[in-house]
Amino acid sequence: MTKNIPLRPQASGSTLDQARQPESNAPQATVPKTDTSVDVSAYTSPFLAFLTSHPTVYHAVEAISSRLESHGFTKLSERDSWVVKLERGGKYFFERNGSGMIAFTVGGNYKSGNGAAIVASHVDALTAKLKPISKKPTSAGYVQLGVAPYAGALNQTWMDRDLGIGGRVLIKNSKTGKIDIKLVQLGWPVARIPTLAPHFGIPAEGQANKETRMVPVIGLDDSKPSGHHSTQEDGWKPSLVSGGEDNVTFTTTQAPGLVKAIASELAIEDTSTIVNWELELFDLQPAQLGGLNKEFIFGGRIDDRLCAYAAIEALVASSSPQSSTSHESGGGKDDDDDGSGILKIVGLFDDEEIGSQLRQGAKSNFLPTAIERIVEAFAGTKYGSNVLSQTYANSFLISADVTHAVNPNYLGSYLEDHSPRLNTGIVIQADSNGHMTTDSISTALLHEIASRSNSTLQVFQIRNDSRSGGTVGPMLSSITGIRAIDAGLPQLSMHSIRATTGSKDPGIGVRLFKGFFDHYEAVDGDFR
């Protein structure tokens, strides 16, 4: 979630045979049972492992992909036609850029024009990314690394932390000539941003300059001092990334020790085959339980791997054989089908922390084109703007992003009766100026979902003398016209390198989101 800022100082292809299209577009729903199937505590340890083992956005998406495939989801490619691939009762997902993902299930009784129950979150987190030329001149015997902040990273909480390095590496296959993409993480403390001791007075105070004083140290220079002190002009050279008289390659623009470490980790013998990489720093300390009764989770990247994790696990649980609380069994692809007449979708977007403007972000065509392609696959000759608009009108979106839990040391910064607590329930996020999608209708609908899911709801709104942050909700809702609400899980220390949430909160999220997938079709009938 983007931070709160105080106010003070379409293409078409061939379609399926029209026989695939059922006769009626009217949603088919039965009266649901109350859901008591989610064991909240069962999700705590897996979430800790997810945070720790998959530190970069690429690792997180890869792990989620593996999780989905292990539960019978089929991976699709945007480059292929989906028309003959999609079936009622099917479970699917696809990635974009390796850093964003959309997963969905098609109900056994789905008809084009019926709605979708959508949970949208973001899977990116604050980090520091290596600059295109990350090699820096040795400074006072230290080897340093050129990095740039992603969103609000490289704040004071990044200092004196054990930092690992990971991401994706592009390698030219010497046999085929094709580019292979491999993920890598150096699992030991590679980098550190040292503070200046308070004994030095004023220079040690306040926020350090992110360009000059937040430069990670990654090693020592073993060469002997030359006695020559270069001037600033000596350091200015052409910023070549390839070619030139010195035959510049990608790896010659990077710290030699880092190139060697990455090559060793990936068993690359010829470092010249490394074409490029996207690497970032991450907090290496494992996520862990804390508090006297282990009621807290302390970890990095909680914003927003927390809601992303809960959404995916809810979709997996809702598509499992035992999750048939909303409908009687009816045709479909396999035994996991719950016979629903809707689509169930999870969108995990990248770049939310920097405005969602890129192609894997929520402001792109990522979600709209996914829905268009699904609708087209089942519409036969009826596909067009009418059935697509009908789909959007029958759909509902939960924009699931973390929000602020009340901090006992800063009670004056909160509204007394809008201050969420940990381990209590999903938080509806309200904003009078349209930074959130929440309104009375979407709130009433979610209340009914929560009632049928044995879930508790809380509410958060920022004080009048502060400005609300933003989520993916308004941009997705405005571009599609889908009804929406902003509702996510609470945390302390948002945008710190390490944050705090409740040990029950991952499971609390799963329970509510699963309830949404299971009960939306029936509940929506009361709002037509």
Protein backbone atom coordinates (compact mmCIF):
# COMPACT_ATOMS: atom_id res chain seq x y z
CA MET A 1 0.00 0.00 0.00
CA THR A 2 1.25 3.47 -0.76
CA LYS A 3 1.98 5.48 2.33
CA ASN A 4 -0.18 8.04 4.09
CA ILE A 5 1.18 11.56 3.61
CA PRO A 6 0.53 14.13 6.35
CA LEU A 7 -0.99 17.34 5.06
CA ARG A 8 1.32 19.32 7.29
CA PRO A 9 5.32 20.72 7.06
CA GLN A 10 -8.92 -5.60 -27.60
CA ALA A 11 -8.19 -8.39 -30.07
CA SER A 12 -10.53 -11.29 -31.04
CA GLY A 13 -9.84 -14.79 -32.41
CA SER A 14 -11.88 -17.84 -33.33
CA THR A 15 -14.65 -18.73 -30.91
CA LEU A 16 -15.93 -22.07 -29.72
CA ASP A 17 -18.89 -23.78 -31.26
CA GLN A 18 -22.07 -22.09 -30.11
CA ALA A 19 -23.17 -25.37 -28.58
CA ARG A 20 -20.83 -24.56 -25.66
CA GLN A 21 -23.07 -21.63 -24.75
CA PRO A 22 -25.87 -22.57 -22.32
CA GLU A 23 -29.34 -21.27 -23.12
CA SER A 24 -29.72 -18.69 -20.31
CA ASN A 25 -27.43 -15.97 -18.99
CA ALA A 26 -29.28 -15.69 -15.69
CA PRO A 27 -27.05 -16.56 -12.72
CA GLN A 28 -27.98 -19.81 -11.00
CA ALA A 29 -27.56 -19.68 -7.23
CA THR A 30 -28.90 -21.61 -4.27
CA VAL A 31 -29.13 -20.61 -0.63
CA PRO A 32 -25.66 -21.05 0.93
CA LYS A 33 -24.69 -22.70 4.14
CA THR A 34 -22.58 -20.95 6.75
CA ASP A 35 -18.87 -21.66 6.26
CA THR A 36 -16.93 -22.99 9.24
CA SER A 37 -14.28 -24.87 7.28
CA VAL A 38 -11.22 -22.60 7.60
CA ASP A 39 -8.73 -23.35 10.37
CA VAL A 40 -7.20 -19.90 10.84
CA SER A 41 -4.14 -21.12 12.75
CA ALA A 42 -3.19 -23.56 9.98
CA TYR A 43 -1.94 -20.71 7.77
CA THR A 44 0.51 -19.11 10.20
CA SER A 45 3.58 -21.29 9.68
CA PRO A 46 3.18 -21.57 5.89
CA PHE A 47 2.95 -17.79 5.65
CA LEU A 48 6.17 -17.41 7.66
CA ALA A 49 7.91 -19.79 5.27
CA PHE A 50 6.50 -17.94 2.26
CA LEU A 51 7.85 -14.59 3.50
CA THR A 52 11.29 -15.97 4.31
CA SER A 53 11.96 -18.30 1.39
CA HIS A 54 10.72 -16.11 -1.46
CA PRO A 55 12.14 -12.63 -0.86
CA THR A 56 11.87 -10.97 -4.28
CA VAL A 57 8.74 -10.41 -6.35
CA TYR A 58 10.02 -12.96 -8.89
CA HIS A 59 10.54 -15.61 -6.23
CA ALA A 60 7.10 -14.90 -4.74
CA VAL A 61 5.32 -15.29 -8.08
CA GLU A 62 7.28 -18.46 -8.88
CA ALA A 63 6.31 -19.96 -5.51
CA ILE A 64 2.65 -19.11 -6.03
CA SER A 65 2.76 -20.65 -9.50
CA SER A 66 4.12 -23.89 -8.06
CA ARG A 67 1.46 -23.83 -5.37
CA LEU A 68 -1.32 -23.45 -7.92
CA GLU A 69 0.04 -26.17 -10.21
CA SER A 70 0.20 -28.56 -7.26
CA HIS A 71 -3.54 -27.99 -6.80
CA GLY A 72 -4.51 -28.71 -10.36
CA PHE A 73 -4.33 -25.24 -11.89
CA THR A 74 -3.19 -25.10 -15.51
CA LYS A 75 -0.68 -22.46 -16.58
CA LEU A 76 -1.66 -20.42 -19.61
CA SER A 77 0.39 -18.16 -21.86
CA GLU A 78 -0.79 -14.77 -23.04
CA ARG A 79 0.86 -15.56 -26.38
CA ASP A 80 -1.56 -18.44 -27.07
CA SER A 81 -5.26 -18.45 -27.87
CA TRP A 82 -7.35 -19.46 -24.86
CA VAL A 83 -10.54 -20.18 -26.77
CA VAL A 84 -10.04 -23.94 -27.03
CA LYS A 85 -8.15 -24.25 -23.74
CA LEU A 86 -10.76 -23.07 -21.23
CA GLU A 87 -13.41 -25.42 -19.85
CA ARG A 88 -16.16 -25.07 -17.30
CA GLY A 89 -14.89 -26.38 -13.99
CA GLY A 90 -11.32 -25.53 -15.03
CA LYS A 91 -8.64 -23.84 -12.92
CA TYR A 92 -6.06 -21.61 -14.58
CA PHE A 93 -3.41 -18.95 -14.08
CA PHE A 94 -0.97 -16.91 -16.11
CA GLU A 95 1.93 -14.60 -15.36
CA ARG A 96 3.05 -11.32 -16.82
CA ASN A 97 6.73 -10.32 -16.63
CA GLY A 98 7.29 -12.96 -13.97
CA SER A 99 6.23 -10.38 -11.40
CA GLY A 100 2.44 -10.32 -11.73
CA MET A 101 -0.17 -13.05 -11.88
CA ILE A 102 -3.86 -13.67 -12.42
CA ALA A 103 -5.43 -16.95 -11.31
CA PHE A 104 -9.03 -17.96 -11.90
CA THR A 105 -11.54 -20.78 -11.81
CA VAL A 106 -14.52 -21.21 -14.11
CA GLY A 107 -17.69 -22.46 -12.45
CA GLY A 108 -19.24 -25.66 -13.71
CA ASN A 109 -22.44 -23.75 -14.49
CA TYR A 110 -20.74 -20.60 -15.77
CA LYS A 111 -22.43 -18.72 -18.60
CA SER A 112 -20.91 -15.76 -20.39
CA GLY A 113 -22.36 -12.57 -18.96
CA ASN A 114 -22.36 -13.96 -15.44
CA GLY A 115 -20.18 -12.13 -12.96
CA ALA A 116 -16.81 -12.65 -11.35
CA ALA A 117 -15.82 -12.60 -7.69
CA ILE A 118 -12.44 -10.87 -7.74
CA VAL A 119 -9.81 -10.32 -5.06
CA ALA A 120 -7.04 -7.97 -6.21
CA SER A 121 -3.84 -7.31 -4.31
CA HIS A 122 -0.23 -6.48 -5.06
CA VAL A 123 2.79 -8.71 -4.65
CA ASP A 124 5.56 -6.12 -4.93
CA ALA A 125 7.24 -4.79 -1.79
CA LEU A 126 9.57 -1.94 -0.93
CA THR A 127 13.13 -2.75 -1.92
CA ALA A 128 16.38 -1.30 -3.25
CA LYS A 129 17.23 -2.26 -6.82
CA LEU A 130 20.69 -2.42 -8.36
CA LYS A 131 21.38 0.43 -10.75
CA PRO A 132 22.12 -0.40 -14.42
CA ILE A 133 25.80 0.19 -13.66
CA SER A 134 26.10 -0.99 -10.08
CA LYS A 135 29.91 -1.04 -9.88
CA LYS A 136 31.24 1.86 -7.85
CA PRO A 137 34.78 3.10 -7.30
CA THR A 138 36.41 1.79 -4.16
CA SER A 139 35.90 4.24 -1.31
CA ALA A 140 38.34 4.20 1.62
CA GLY A 141 39.02 0.53 0.98
CA TYR A 142 35.36 -0.50 0.85
CA VAL A 143 33.63 -2.15 -2.10
CA GLN A 144 30.19 -0.62 -2.47
CA LEU A 145 27.14 -1.24 -4.61
CA GLY A 146 25.07 1.26 -6.58
CA VAL A 147 21.40 0.83 -5.71
CA ALA A 148 18.25 2.90 -6.11
CA PRO A 149 15.17 2.92 -3.85
CA TYR A 150 11.98 1.29 -5.06
CA ALA A 151 9.15 3.44 -3.66
CA GLY A 152 9.91 4.39 -0.05
CA ALA A 153 12.81 2.02 0.55
CA LEU A 154 16.25 3.07 1.78
CA ASN A 155 14.67 4.83 4.72
CA GLN A 156 16.31 4.75 8.14
CA THR A 157 15.01 1.23 8.89
CA TRP A 158 17.31 -0.14 6.18
CA MET A 159 20.45 0.82 8.05
CA ASP A 160 22.47 -1.76 10.00
CA ARG A 161 20.40 -4.62 8.59
CA ASP A 162 21.68 -7.92 7.19
CA LEU A 163 20.83 -7.62 3.50
CA GLY A 164 20.74 -10.40 0.95
CA ILE A 165 20.70 -9.98 -2.82
CA GLY A 166 18.36 -11.77 -5.22
CA GLY A 167 16.28 -11.48 -8.37
CA ARG A 168 16.36 -12.75 -11.91
CA VAL A 169 19.30 -13.28 -14.26
CA LEU A 170 19.19 -13.47 -18.06
CA ILE A 171 21.69 -15.96 -19.49
CA LYS A 172 22.45 -16.68 -23.16
CA ASN A 173 22.44 -20.39 -23.76
CA SER A 174 25.71 -21.13 -25.54
CA LYS A 175 24.20 -24.15 -27.33
CA THR A 176 20.85 -22.79 -28.52
CA GLY A 177 21.53 -19.05 -28.52
CA LYS A 178 18.27 -18.51 -26.64
CA ILE A 179 17.92 -16.46 -23.47
CA ASP A 180 17.28 -18.43 -20.29
CA ILE A 181 15.87 -16.73 -17.20
CA LYS A 182 16.97 -18.03 -13.81
CA LEU A 183 16.11 -16.84 -10.32
CA VAL A 184 18.84 -16.38 -7.76
CA GLN A 185 19.20 -15.39 -4.15
CA LEU A 186 22.39 -15.11 -2.17
CA GLY A 187 21.28 -16.44 1.17
CA TRP A 188 23.87 -14.83 3.40
CA PRO A 189 24.32 -11.22 4.52
CA VAL A 190 25.98 -9.80 1.41
CA ALA A 191 25.35 -6.11 2.00
CA ARG A 192 25.00 -3.64 4.86
CA ILE A 193 24.31 0.09 5.11
CA PRO A 194 26.24 1.27 8.17
CA THR A 195 25.02 4.10 10.34
CA LEU A 196 27.25 6.89 11.60
CA ALA A 197 27.80 6.66 15.34
CA PRO A 198 25.94 9.33 17.35
CA HIS A 199 29.30 10.53 18.69
CA PHE A 200 29.76 12.44 15.42
CA GLY A 201 26.88 14.75 16.26
CA ILE A 202 24.80 16.53 13.60
CA PRO A 203 25.93 14.43 10.58
CA ALA A 204 24.51 11.34 12.31
CA GLU A 205 21.05 12.89 12.81
CA GLY A 206 17.98 12.83 10.59
CA GLN A 207 17.27 10.99 7.35
CA ALA A 208 20.49 10.19 5.50
CA ASN A 209 20.83 11.26 1.86
CA LYS A 210 19.75 8.25 -0.19
CA GLU A 211 22.32 8.82 -2.92
CA THR A 212 25.42 9.50 -0.86
CA ARG A 213 24.91 7.95 2.57
CA MET A 214 22.68 4.94 1.91
CA VAL A 215 25.22 3.10 -0.24
CA PRO A 216 25.59 -0.57 0.72
CA VAL A 217 28.98 -1.99 1.65
CA ILE A 218 29.57 -5.43 0.14
CA GLY A 219 33.27 -6.08 0.78
CA LEU A 220 36.80 -4.82 1.22
CA ASP A 221 39.28 -3.98 -1.51
CA ASP A 222 42.34 -6.19 -1.07
CA SER A 223 44.56 -4.03 -3.28
CA LYS A 224 47.17 -1.83 -1.67
CA PRO A 225 46.44 1.90 -1.39
CA SER A 226 48.10 3.77 -4.25
CA GLY A 227 48.41 7.08 -2.49
CA HIS A 228 46.63 8.73 -5.42
CA HIS A 229 43.49 10.63 -4.50
CA SER A 230 41.27 10.96 -7.55
CA THR A 231 39.35 14.14 -8.12
CA GLN A 232 35.65 14.14 -8.92
CA GLU A 233 36.42 14.79 -12.57
CA ASP A 234 38.66 11.70 -12.70
CA GLY A 235 35.62 9.54 -11.97
CA TRP A 236 33.44 10.83 -14.79
CA LYS A 237 33.64 8.42 -17.70
CA PRO A 238 31.27 7.61 -20.58
CA SER A 239 28.35 5.58 -19.22
CA LEU A 240 28.74 2.73 -21.69
CA VAL A 241 26.90 -0.53 -21.12
CA SER A 242 28.21 -2.30 -24.23
CA GLY A 243 30.86 -1.91 -26.93
CA GLY A 244 33.36 0.96 -27.04
CA GLU A 245 37.13 0.79 -27.11
CA ASP A 246 37.21 -1.21 -23.89
CA ASN A 247 34.71 -3.77 -25.24
CA VAL A 248 32.26 -3.11 -22.43
CA THR A 249 29.88 -5.98 -21.58
CA PHE A 250 27.14 -6.16 -18.99
CA THR A 251 29.26 -7.94 -16.42
CA THR A 252 32.09 -5.40 -16.70
CA THR A 253 29.66 -2.75 -15.45
CA GLN A 254 28.93 -4.71 -12.29
CA ALA A 255 30.93 -5.34 -9.13
CA PRO A 256 33.33 -8.19 -10.00
CA GLY A 257 32.81 -9.92 -6.66
CA LEU A 258 29.06 -9.87 -7.12
CA VAL A 259 29.34 -11.27 -10.65
CA LYS A 260 31.48 -14.08 -9.32
CA ALA A 261 29.02 -14.84 -6.49
CA ILE A 262 26.01 -14.90 -8.83
CA ALA A 263 27.85 -17.09 -11.35
CA SER A 264 28.83 -19.51 -8.60
CA GLU A 265 25.28 -19.69 -7.25
CA LEU A 266 23.88 -20.48 -10.72
CA ALA A 267 26.79 -22.69 -11.81
CA ILE A 268 27.67 -20.36 -14.69
CA GLU A 269 31.17 -21.07 -16.00
CA ASP A 270 31.39 -18.24 -18.53
CA THR A 271 30.23 -14.96 -16.99
CA SER A 272 30.11 -13.32 -20.41
CA THR A 273 26.90 -15.29 -21.03
CA ILE A 274 25.16 -13.18 -18.39
CA VAL A 275 23.18 -10.80 -20.58
CA ASN A 276 21.50 -8.76 -17.86
CA TRP A 277 19.85 -9.03 -14.47
CA GLU A 278 17.33 -7.41 -12.17
CA LEU A 279 18.61 -7.78 -8.64
CA GLU A 280 17.50 -6.22 -5.40
CA LEU A 281 18.37 -6.10 -1.73
CA PHE A 282 16.17 -7.78 0.85
CA ASP A 283 16.08 -8.17 4.61
CA LEU A 284 17.64 -11.53 5.35
CA GLN A 285 16.25 -12.06 8.87
CA PRO A 286 13.59 -14.80 8.79
CA ALA A 287 9.97 -13.98 9.49
CA GLN A 288 9.09 -15.30 12.91
CA LEU A 289 6.50 -15.42 15.64
CA GLY A 290 6.84 -12.92 18.49
CA GLY A 291 5.15 -11.77 21.67
CA LEU A 292 4.72 -13.55 24.96
CA ASN A 293 2.03 -15.78 23.50
CA LYS A 294 3.39 -15.73 19.95
CA GLU A 295 0.53 -13.54 18.86
CA PHE A 296 2.63 -11.49 16.42
CA ILE A 297 4.39 -12.08 13.13
CA PHE A 298 7.57 -10.05 12.66
CA GLY A 299 8.90 -10.03 9.12
CA GLY A 300 9.90 -8.20 6.00
CA ARG A 301 7.70 -7.64 2.95
CA ILE A 302 4.42 -7.99 4.83
CA ASP A 303 3.11 -5.16 2.60
CA ASP A 304 1.72 -6.83 0.64
CA ARG A 305 2.66 -10.46 0.55
CA LEU A 306 0.11 -10.81 3.37
CA CYS A 307 -3.07 -10.13 1.39
CA ALA A 308 -1.59 -11.73 -1.73
CA TYR A 309 -0.93 -14.94 0.19
CA ALA A 310 -4.39 -14.95 1.79
CA ALA A 311 -6.12 -14.37 -1.55
CA ILE A 312 -4.35 -17.23 -3.32
CA GLU A 313 -4.90 -19.64 -0.45
CA ALA A 314 -8.58 -18.67 -0.41
CA LEU A 315 -8.91 -19.44 -4.12
CA VAL A 316 -7.19 -22.79 -3.63
CA ALA A 317 -9.47 -23.62 -0.69
CA SER A 318 -12.59 -22.47 -2.53
CA SER A 319 -11.77 -24.70 -5.49
CA SER A 320 -11.17 -27.81 -3.36
CA PRO A 321 -13.71 -30.66 -3.17
CA GLN A 322 -14.83 -29.81 0.36
CA SER A 323 -15.66 -26.22 -0.57
CA SER A 324 -19.20 -26.61 -1.87
CA THR A 325 -21.02 -24.40 0.61
CA SER A 326 -22.79 -22.31 -2.03
CA HIS A 327 -24.12 -24.77 -4.59
CA GLU A 328 -25.27 -28.25 -5.24
CA SER A 329 -22.86 -30.28 -7.31
CA GLY A 330 -23.31 -29.89 -11.04
CA GLY A 331 -21.34 -30.54 -14.23
CA GLY A 332 -17.78 -29.42 -14.65
CA LYS A 333 -14.32 -30.48 -15.43
CA ASP A 334 -13.42 -32.43 -12.29
CA ASP A 335 -14.34 -33.28 -8.73
CA ASP A 336 -12.95 -29.97 -7.47
CA ASP A 337 -15.70 -28.01 -9.27
CA ASP A 338 -18.29 -26.49 -6.91
CA GLY A 339 -20.91 -26.10 -9.63
CA SER A 340 -21.01 -22.31 -9.36
CA GLY A 341 -22.12 -20.07 -12.17
CA ILE A 342 -19.41 -17.44 -11.80
CA LEU A 343 -15.72 -16.81 -12.29
CA LYS A 344 -13.46 -16.63 -9.24
CA ILE A 345 -10.39 -14.50 -9.85
CA VAL A 346 -7.30 -13.41 -7.93
CA GLY A 347 -5.16 -10.65 -9.40
CA LEU A 348 -1.69 -10.12 -7.96
CA PHE A 349 -0.18 -6.98 -9.43
CA ASP A 350 3.32 -5.57 -9.50
CA ASP A 351 4.36 -1.92 -9.22
CA GLU A 352 1.58 -0.84 -6.85
CA GLU A 353 4.09 0.89 -4.62
CA ILE A 354 5.19 3.13 -7.51
CA GLY A 355 1.83 3.93 -9.07
CA SER A 356 0.84 0.76 -10.99
CA GLN A 357 1.64 2.34 -14.35
CA LEU A 358 3.61 -0.51 -15.93
CA ARG A 359 2.19 -3.39 -17.96
CA GLN A 360 2.14 -5.73 -14.97
CA GLY A 361 0.49 -3.07 -12.81
CA ALA A 362 -3.18 -2.60 -12.03
CA LYS A 363 -3.52 0.44 -14.32
CA SER A 364 -2.64 -1.68 -17.35
CA ASN A 365 -4.87 -3.99 -19.38
CA PHE A 366 -3.77 -6.96 -17.26
CA LEU A 367 -7.11 -7.73 -15.57
CA PRO A 368 -9.50 -6.39 -18.25
CA THR A 369 -7.96 -8.46 -21.04
CA ALA A 370 -7.99 -11.57 -18.85
CA ILE A 371 -11.71 -11.19 -18.26
CA GLU A 372 -12.33 -10.40 -21.93
CA ARG A 373 -10.55 -13.57 -23.04
CA ILE A 374 -12.43 -15.74 -20.57
CA VAL A 375 -15.79 -14.30 -21.60
CA GLU A 376 -14.93 -14.70 -25.29
CA ALA A 377 -14.08 -18.38 -24.81
CA PHE A 378 -17.61 -19.16 -23.61
CA ALA A 379 -19.69 -16.60 -25.53
CA GLY A 380 -19.62 -18.25 -28.92
CA THR A 381 -20.94 -15.90 -31.59
CA LYS A 382 -22.50 -13.67 -28.92
CA TYR A 383 -19.20 -12.18 -27.80
CA GLY A 384 -19.05 -8.40 -27.89
CA SER A 385 -19.22 -5.27 -25.78
CA ASN A 386 -22.72 -6.11 -24.56
CA VAL A 387 -21.83 -9.42 -22.92
CA LEU A 388 -18.56 -7.99 -21.61
CA SER A 389 -20.31 -5.01 -20.02
CA GLN A 390 -22.84 -7.42 -18.54
CA THR A 391 -20.01 -9.41 -17.01
CA TYR A 392 -18.52 -6.32 -15.40
CA ALA A 393 -21.90 -5.22 -14.06
CA ASN A 394 -22.47 -8.63 -12.45
CA SER A 395 -19.00 -8.71 -10.86
CA PHE A 396 -17.57 -7.50 -7.56
CA LEU A 397 -14.01 -6.65 -6.54
CA ILE A 398 -12.32 -6.73 -3.16
CA SER A 399 -9.25 -4.53 -3.33
CA ALA A 400 -7.17 -6.27 -0.69
CA ASP A 401 -4.25 -4.22 0.56
CA VAL A 402 -2.78 -3.99 4.03
CA THR A 403 -3.86 -1.11 6.22
CA HIS A 404 -2.75 0.46 9.48
CA ALA A 405 -3.25 -1.30 12.81
CA VAL A 406 -3.47 1.05 15.76
CA ASN A 407 -0.07 1.84 17.28
CA PRO A 408 -0.27 2.24 21.09
CA ASN A 409 2.60 4.74 21.11
CA TYR A 410 0.92 7.09 18.62
CA LEU A 411 -2.77 7.01 19.54
CA GLY A 412 -3.09 10.70 18.68
CA SER A 413 -2.45 9.89 15.03
CA TYR A 414 -5.58 7.73 14.76
CA LEU A 415 -9.32 8.21 14.97
CA GLU A 416 -10.41 6.61 18.21
CA ASP A 417 -13.27 4.64 16.66
CA HIS A 418 -11.51 3.82 13.38
CA SER A 419 -8.44 2.05 14.79
CA PRO A 420 -8.09 -1.60 13.74
CA ARG A 421 -6.44 -4.26 15.89
CA LEU A 422 -4.38 -7.29 14.98
CA ASN A 423 -5.82 -10.82 15.07
CA THR A 424 -9.38 -9.47 14.92
CA GLY A 425 -10.67 -9.24 11.38
CA ILE A 426 -10.42 -7.86 7.86
CA VAL A 427 -10.44 -4.06 7.80
CA ILE A 428 -12.79 -2.09 5.55
CA GLN A 429 -10.89 0.97 4.38
CA ALA A 430 -12.91 4.15 3.96
CA ASP A 431 -11.96 7.52 2.53
CA SER A 432 -14.22 10.51 1.90
CA ASN A 433 -12.09 11.74 -1.01
CA GLY A 434 -12.24 8.69 -3.24
CA HIS A 435 -8.84 7.18 -2.50
CA MET A 436 -10.75 3.98 -1.64
CA THR A 437 -13.64 2.35 -3.51
CA THR A 438 -15.69 1.66 -0.38
CA ASP A 439 -19.32 2.84 -0.35
CA SER A 440 -22.52 1.88 1.46
CA ILE A 441 -23.54 -0.76 -1.07
CA SER A 442 -20.19 -2.51 -1.21
CA THR A 443 -19.96 -2.37 2.59
CA ALA A 444 -23.39 -3.95 3.00
CA LEU A 445 -22.48 -6.72 0.57
CA LEU A 446 -19.24 -7.52 2.38
CA HIS A 447 -21.06 -7.51 5.73
CA GLU A 448 -23.35 -10.24 4.40
CA ILE A 449 -20.37 -12.21 3.10
CA ALA A 450 -18.67 -11.88 6.50
CA SER A 451 -21.82 -13.04 8.28
CA ARG A 452 -21.95 -16.19 6.19
CA SER A 453 -18.21 -16.77 6.68
CA ASN A 454 -18.08 -16.40 10.46
CA SER A 455 -15.79 -13.40 9.92
CA THR A 456 -15.42 -10.15 11.85
CA LEU A 457 -15.01 -6.82 10.07
CA GLN A 458 -13.22 -3.68 11.28
CA VAL A 459 -12.98 -0.22 9.73
CA PHE A 460 -10.18 2.29 9.22
CA GLN A 461 -10.27 5.88 8.11
CA ILE A 462 -7.46 8.40 8.30
CA ARG A 463 -7.75 11.59 10.34
CA ASN A 464 -8.89 14.77 8.59
CA ASP A 465 -5.44 16.31 9.04
CA SER A 466 -3.72 13.46 7.17
CA ARG A 467 -4.04 12.18 3.63
CA SER A 468 -5.01 8.63 2.78
CA GLY A 469 -2.78 6.31 0.81
CA GLY A 470 -3.96 4.53 -2.32
CA THR A 471 -4.66 1.00 -3.51
CA VAL A 472 -5.35 -0.84 -6.77
CA GLY A 473 -9.09 -0.61 -6.12
CA PRO A 474 -10.03 2.76 -7.65
CA MET A 475 -8.05 2.21 -10.84
CA LEU A 476 -9.48 -1.28 -11.47
CA SER A 477 -13.03 -0.28 -10.59
CA SER A 478 -13.00 2.88 -12.70
CA ILE A 479 -11.62 1.23 -15.84
CA THR A 480 -14.12 -1.65 -15.73
CA GLY A 481 -17.12 -0.27 -13.83
CA ILE A 482 -16.99 -3.22 -11.42
CA ARG A 483 -18.46 -2.60 -7.98
CA ALA A 484 -15.72 -2.66 -5.36
CA ILE A 485 -14.66 -2.30 -1.77
CA ASP A 486 -11.25 -1.76 -0.19
CA ALA A 487 -10.70 -4.28 2.59
CA GLY A 488 -7.41 -5.72 3.80
CA LEU A 489 -5.43 -6.95 6.76
CA PRO A 490 -3.85 -4.69 9.40
CA GLN A 491 -0.18 -4.26 10.18
CA LEU A 492 2.14 -2.07 12.22
CA SER A 493 5.17 -0.22 10.84
CA MET A 494 4.07 0.05 7.22
CA HIS A 495 7.02 0.75 4.89
CA SER A 496 9.58 -0.30 7.49
CA ILE A 497 12.02 -2.95 6.34
CA ARG A 498 10.39 -5.19 8.97
CA ALA A 499 6.77 -4.91 9.99
CA THR A 500 4.32 -6.59 12.36
CA THR A 501 1.00 -8.31 11.82
CA GLY A 502 -1.01 -10.77 13.88
CA SER A 503 -0.22 -14.47 13.87
CA LYS A 504 -3.87 -15.20 13.06
CA ASP A 505 -4.20 -12.56 10.36
CA PRO A 506 -3.09 -14.70 7.37
CA GLY A 507 -5.78 -17.25 8.22
CA ILE A 508 -8.33 -14.54 8.99
CA GLY A 509 -7.77 -13.24 5.47
CA VAL A 510 -8.14 -16.70 3.96
CA ARG A 511 -11.43 -17.25 5.78
CA LEU A 512 -13.04 -14.00 4.59
CA PHE A 513 -11.75 -14.23 1.01
CA LYS A 514 -12.79 -17.87 0.73
CA GLY A 515 -16.21 -16.88 2.04
CA PHE A 516 -16.38 -14.23 -0.65
CA PHE A 517 -15.63 -16.76 -3.38
CA ASP A 518 -18.09 -19.28 -1.93
CA HIS A 519 -21.01 -16.96 -1.16
CA TYR A 520 -20.81 -14.01 -3.54
CA GLU A 521 -23.08 -15.53 -6.17
CA ALA A 522 -25.92 -16.03 -3.69
CA VAL A 523 -25.38 -12.75 -1.82
CA ASP A 524 -25.29 -10.73 -5.04
CA GLY A 525 -28.82 -11.89 -5.78
CA ASP A 526 -30.02 -9.68 -2.91
CA PHE A 527 -28.44 -6.62 -4.55
CA ARG A 528 -29.91 -6.91 -8.06
